[in-house]
């Protein structure tokens, strides 16, 4: 009984982590910087893996999708690939975890279920490493663009 509770708890925690990784991919504010005036904020720039936006002091904002993969800086392409790989690995890890748990009826013998559960764990670990790498690489990819937001991403 205790082993089954541990498996279900591990499945819930690992799947929750995968859902949180999925929620970070479309998040708007991967990088935020602002140009401050003496009285009001003049402009705020923010960007993510897919587009760059700017908001002026009146609240009007303008977003521009990145036009081409070839025009992007290399670290953004790497971060995109790592995040998509993390989501795919986590998805297959969740499927394998469902099949590999002892409380499910599919998957065959206990030895096969143990192998499937091991593959699931490896997938979740690789998924976490991919997302950790992407979230660490993005802010360190172009440190100058944090200091000079007008020059970031060559977005014009």
C-alpha atoms as a PDB file:
ATOM      1  CA  UNK A   1       0.000   0.000   0.000  1.00  0.00           C
ATOM      2  CA  UNK A   2       2.801   2.413   0.865  1.00  0.00           C
ATOM      3  CA  UNK A   3       4.574   1.713  -2.421  1.00  0.00           C
ATOM      4  CA  UNK A   4       1.431   2.552  -4.410  1.00  0.00           C
ATOM      5  CA  UNK A   5       0.961   5.833  -2.542  1.00  0.00           C
ATOM      6  CA  UNK A   6       4.593   6.723  -3.231  1.00  0.00           C
ATOM      7  CA  UNK A   7       4.156   5.967  -6.936  1.00  0.00           C
ATOM      8  CA  UNK A   8       1.005   8.068  -7.194  1.00  0.00           C
ATOM      9  CA  UNK A   9       2.601  10.951  -5.290  1.00  0.00           C
ATOM     10  CA  UNK A  10       5.697  10.800  -7.520  1.00  0.00           C
ATOM     11  CA  UNK A  11       3.483  10.744 -10.616  1.00  0.00           C
ATOM     12  CA  UNK A  12       1.505  13.767  -9.428  1.00  0.00           C
ATOM     13  CA  UNK A  13       4.655  15.735  -8.559  1.00  0.00           C
ATOM     14  CA  UNK A  14       6.478  14.926 -11.786  1.00  0.00           C
ATOM     15  CA  UNK A  15       3.435  15.642 -13.936  1.00  0.00           C
ATOM     16  CA  UNK A  16       2.883  18.913 -12.054  1.00  0.00           C
ATOM     17  CA  UNK A  17       6.463  19.879 -12.820  1.00  0.00           C
ATOM     18  CA  UNK A  18       5.895  19.089 -16.486  1.00  0.00           C
ATOM     19  CA  UNK A  19       2.744  21.243 -16.515  1.00  0.00           C
ATOM     20  CA  UNK A  20       4.717  24.121 -14.993  1.00  0.00           C
ATOM     21  CA  UNK A  21       7.396  23.746 -17.680  1.00  0.00           C
ATOM     22  CA  UNK A  22       4.620  23.829 -20.296  1.00  0.00           C
ATOM     23  CA  UNK A  23       3.298  27.034 -18.763  1.00  0.00           C
ATOM     24  CA  UNK A  24       6.663  28.796 -19.009  1.00  0.00           C
ATOM     25  CA  UNK A  25       6.975  28.404 -22.772  1.00  0.00           C
ATOM     26  CA  UNK A  26       4.292  30.961 -23.766  1.00  0.00           C
ATOM     27  CA  UNK A  27       5.067  33.331 -20.879  1.00  0.00           C
ATOM     28  CA  UNK A  28       5.526  36.894 -22.115  1.00  0.00           C
ATOM     29  CA  UNK A  29       8.107  38.144 -19.635  1.00  0.00           C
ATOM     30  CA  UNK A  30      11.295  36.128 -20.099  1.00  0.00           C
ATOM     31  CA  UNK A  31      13.266  39.359 -20.230  1.00  0.00           C
ATOM     32  CA  UNK A  32      12.044  42.773 -19.045  1.00  0.00           C
ATOM     33  CA  UNK A  33      13.843  46.091 -19.041  1.00  0.00           C
ATOM     34  CA  UNK A  34      12.695  49.673 -18.893  1.00  0.00           C
ATOM     35  CA  UNK A  35      13.993  53.086 -19.801  1.00  0.00           C
ATOM     36  CA  UNK A  36      13.185  55.342 -16.871  1.00  0.00           C
ATOM     37  CA  UNK A  37      12.736  59.063 -17.044  1.00  0.00           C
ATOM     38  CA  UNK A  38      13.037  61.357 -14.080  1.00  0.00           C
ATOM     39  CA  UNK A  39       9.286  61.443 -13.442  1.00  0.00           C
ATOM     40  CA  UNK A  40       7.668  58.579 -15.351  1.00  0.00           C
ATOM     41  CA  UNK A  41       8.730  55.405 -17.052  1.00  0.00           C
ATOM     42  CA  UNK A  42       9.338  56.241 -20.680  1.00  0.00           C
ATOM     43  CA  UNK A  43       9.269  52.751 -22.166  1.00  0.00           C
ATOM     44  CA  UNK A  44       9.243  49.151 -21.018  1.00  0.00           C
ATOM     45  CA  UNK A  45      10.644  46.401 -23.205  1.00  0.00           C
ATOM     46  CA  UNK A  46       9.912  42.733 -22.740  1.00  0.00           C
ATOM     47  CA  UNK A  47      10.547  39.669 -24.819  1.00  0.00           C
ATOM     48  CA  UNK A  48      10.230  35.926 -24.800  1.00  0.00           C
ATOM     49  CA  UNK A  49      11.244  33.118 -27.125  1.00  0.00           C
ATOM     50  CA  UNK A  50       8.745  34.110 -29.803  1.00  0.00           C
ATOM     51  CA  UNK A  51       8.448  37.917 -29.905  1.00  0.00           C
ATOM     52  CA  UNK A  52       9.569  41.264 -28.527  1.00  0.00           C
ATOM     53  CA  UNK A  53       7.239  43.978 -27.217  1.00  0.00           C
ATOM     54  CA  UNK A  54       7.457  47.577 -26.053  1.00  0.00           C
ATOM     55  CA  UNK A  55       5.034  49.641 -23.957  1.00  0.00           C
ATOM     56  CA  UNK A  56       5.207  53.418 -23.702  1.00  0.00           C
ATOM     57  CA  UNK A  57       4.151  55.563 -20.747  1.00  0.00           C
ATOM     58  CA  UNK A  58       0.573  55.855 -22.043  1.00  0.00           C
ATOM     59  CA  UNK A  59       0.059  52.095 -21.875  1.00  0.00           C
ATOM     60  CA  UNK A  60       0.058  51.495 -25.615  1.00  0.00           C
ATOM     61  CA  UNK A  61       2.090  48.455 -26.529  1.00  0.00           C
ATOM     62  CA  UNK A  62       3.446  47.120 -29.774  1.00  0.00           C
ATOM     63  CA  UNK A  63       4.630  43.558 -30.283  1.00  0.00           C
ATOM     64  CA  UNK A  64       6.658  42.147 -33.118  1.00  0.00           C
ATOM     65  CA  UNK A  65       7.006  38.436 -33.754  1.00  0.00           C
ATOM     66  CA  UNK A  66      10.470  37.301 -34.657  1.00  0.00           C
ATOM     67  CA  UNK A  67      10.320  37.146 -38.467  1.00  0.00           C
ATOM     68  CA  UNK A  68      12.641  34.260 -39.269  1.00  0.00           C
ATOM     69  CA  UNK A  69      14.594  31.576 -37.482  1.00  0.00           C
ATOM     70  CA  UNK A  70      17.653  32.553 -39.483  1.00  0.00           C
ATOM     71  CA  UNK A  71      17.478  36.141 -38.193  1.00  0.00           C
ATOM     72  CA  UNK A  72      17.467  35.077 -34.536  1.00  0.00           C
ATOM     73  CA  UNK A  73      20.451  34.960 -32.268  1.00  0.00           C
ATOM     74  CA  UNK A  74      21.736  31.455 -31.616  1.00  0.00           C
ATOM     75  CA  UNK A  75      20.912  31.328 -27.925  1.00  0.00           C
ATOM     76  CA  UNK A  76      17.212  31.978 -28.619  1.00  0.00           C
ATOM     77  CA  UNK A  77      17.102  29.089 -31.086  1.00  0.00           C
ATOM     78  CA  UNK A  78      18.832  26.829 -28.573  1.00  0.00           C
ATOM     79  CA  UNK A  79      16.409  27.874 -25.816  1.00  0.00           C
ATOM     80  CA  UNK A  80      13.434  27.205 -28.079  1.00  0.00           C
ATOM     81  CA  UNK A  81      14.758  23.749 -28.916  1.00  0.00           C
ATOM     82  CA  UNK A  82      15.511  22.902 -25.303  1.00  0.00           C
ATOM     83  CA  UNK A  83      12.070  23.989 -24.091  1.00  0.00           C
ATOM     84  CA  UNK A  84      10.274  22.063 -26.829  1.00  0.00           C
ATOM     85  CA  UNK A  85      12.430  19.007 -26.080  1.00  0.00           C
ATOM     86  CA  UNK A  86      11.603  19.371 -22.369  1.00  0.00           C
ATOM     87  CA  UNK A  87       7.888  19.404 -23.106  1.00  0.00           C
ATOM     88  CA  UNK A  88       8.097  16.383 -25.407  1.00  0.00           C
ATOM     89  CA  UNK A  89      10.244  14.386 -22.979  1.00  0.00           C
ATOM     90  CA  UNK A  90       7.906  15.225 -20.107  1.00  0.00           C
ATOM     91  CA  UNK A  91       4.872  14.164 -22.130  1.00  0.00           C
ATOM     92  CA  UNK A  92       6.371  10.770 -22.913  1.00  0.00           C
ATOM     93  CA  UNK A  93       7.584  10.499 -19.333  1.00  0.00           C
ATOM     94  CA  UNK A  94       4.018  10.964 -18.086  1.00  0.00           C
ATOM     95  CA  UNK A  95       2.699   8.333 -20.508  1.00  0.00           C
ATOM     96  CA  UNK A  96       5.419   5.866 -19.487  1.00  0.00           C
ATOM     97  CA  UNK A  97       4.773   6.623 -15.820  1.00  0.00           C
ATOM     98  CA  UNK A  98       1.106   5.760 -16.200  1.00  0.00           C
ATOM     99  CA  UNK A  99       1.996   2.462 -17.843  1.00  0.00           C
ATOM    100  CA  UNK A 100       4.842   1.691 -15.428  1.00  0.00           C
ATOM    101  CA  UNK A 101       2.959   2.171 -12.159  1.00  0.00           C
ATOM    102  CA  UNK A 102       2.111  -1.024 -10.301  1.00  0.00           C
ATOM    103  CA  UNK A 103      -1.456   0.132  -9.733  1.00  0.00           C
ATOM    104  CA  UNK A 104      -2.268   0.066 -13.471  1.00  0.00           C
ATOM    105  CA  UNK A 105      -3.287  -3.089 -15.296  1.00  0.00           C
ATOM    106  CA  UNK A 106      -1.349  -2.427 -18.506  1.00  0.00           C
ATOM    107  CA  UNK A 107       2.367  -2.917 -19.060  1.00  0.00           C
ATOM    108  CA  UNK A 108       2.839  -6.625 -18.435  1.00  0.00           C
ATOM    109  CA  UNK A 109       4.874  -8.201 -15.669  1.00  0.00           C
ATOM    110  CA  UNK A 110       6.414  -6.400 -12.717  1.00  0.00           C
ATOM    111  CA  UNK A 111       9.822  -6.570 -14.388  1.00  0.00           C
ATOM    112  CA  UNK A 112       8.476  -4.843 -17.526  1.00  0.00           C
ATOM    113  CA  UNK A 113       6.695  -2.242 -15.398  1.00  0.00           C
ATOM    114  CA  UNK A 114       9.941  -1.534 -13.534  1.00  0.00           C
ATOM    115  CA  UNK A 115      11.772  -0.975 -16.823  1.00  0.00           C
ATOM    116  CA  UNK A 116       9.008   1.297 -18.106  1.00  0.00           C
ATOM    117  CA  UNK A 117       9.024   3.251 -14.838  1.00  0.00           C
ATOM    118  CA  UNK A 118      12.810   3.637 -15.144  1.00  0.00           C
ATOM    119  CA  UNK A 119      12.431   5.010 -18.687  1.00  0.00           C
ATOM    120  CA  UNK A 120       9.777   7.386 -17.357  1.00  0.00           C
ATOM    121  CA  UNK A 121      12.118   8.642 -14.657  1.00  0.00           C
ATOM    122  CA  UNK A 122      14.928   9.158 -17.167  1.00  0.00           C
ATOM    123  CA  UNK A 123      12.536  11.121 -19.404  1.00  0.00           C
ATOM    124  CA  UNK A 124      11.467  13.363 -16.519  1.00  0.00           C
ATOM    125  CA  UNK A 125      15.076  13.966 -15.466  1.00  0.00           C
ATOM    126  CA  UNK A 126      16.096  14.841 -19.033  1.00  0.00           C
ATOM    127  CA  UNK A 127      13.042  17.092 -19.327  1.00  0.00           C
ATOM    128  CA  UNK A 128      14.032  18.930 -16.169  1.00  0.00           C
ATOM    129  CA  UNK A 129      17.622  19.316 -17.341  1.00  0.00           C
ATOM    130  CA  UNK A 130      16.470  20.692 -20.703  1.00  0.00           C
ATOM    131  CA  UNK A 131      14.191  23.269 -19.098  1.00  0.00           C
ATOM    132  CA  UNK A 132      16.833  24.188 -16.514  1.00  0.00           C
ATOM    133  CA  UNK A 133      19.394  24.661 -19.276  1.00  0.00           C
ATOM    134  CA  UNK A 134      17.039  26.812 -21.351  1.00  0.00           C
ATOM    135  CA  UNK A 135      16.021  28.996 -18.415  1.00  0.00           C
ATOM    136  CA  UNK A 136      19.679  29.437 -17.464  1.00  0.00           C
ATOM    137  CA  UNK A 137      20.923  30.070 -20.993  1.00  0.00           C
ATOM    138  CA  UNK A 138      18.351  32.710 -21.958  1.00  0.00           C
ATOM    139  CA  UNK A 139      19.440  35.449 -19.528  1.00  0.00           C
ATOM    140  CA  UNK A 140      23.133  34.702 -20.018  1.00  0.00           C
ATOM    141  CA  UNK A 141      22.908  34.471 -23.811  1.00  0.00           C
ATOM    142  CA  UNK A 142      23.143  38.169 -24.435  1.00  0.00           C
ATOM    143  CA  UNK A 143      23.964  40.147 -21.295  1.00  0.00           C
ATOM    144  CA  UNK A 144      24.468  43.357 -23.251  1.00  0.00           C
ATOM    145  CA  UNK A 145      20.795  43.366 -24.300  1.00  0.00           C
ATOM    146  CA  UNK A 146      19.763  43.657 -20.643  1.00  0.00           C
ATOM    147  CA  UNK A 147      21.724  46.869 -20.371  1.00  0.00           C
ATOM    148  CA  UNK A 148      20.768  48.234 -23.794  1.00  0.00           C
ATOM    149  CA  UNK A 149      17.235  47.058 -24.658  1.00  0.00           C
ATOM    150  CA  UNK A 150      17.186  49.033 -27.920  1.00  0.00           C
ATOM    151  CA  UNK A 151      19.833  46.698 -29.333  1.00  0.00           C
ATOM    152  CA  UNK A 152      18.183  43.427 -28.356  1.00  0.00           C
ATOM    153  CA  UNK A 153      17.208  40.865 -30.964  1.00  0.00           C
ATOM    154  CA  UNK A 154      17.903  43.191 -33.873  1.00  0.00           C
ATOM    155  CA  UNK A 155      14.126  43.736 -33.945  1.00  0.00           C
ATOM    156  CA  UNK A 156      14.345  47.291 -35.269  1.00  0.00           C
END
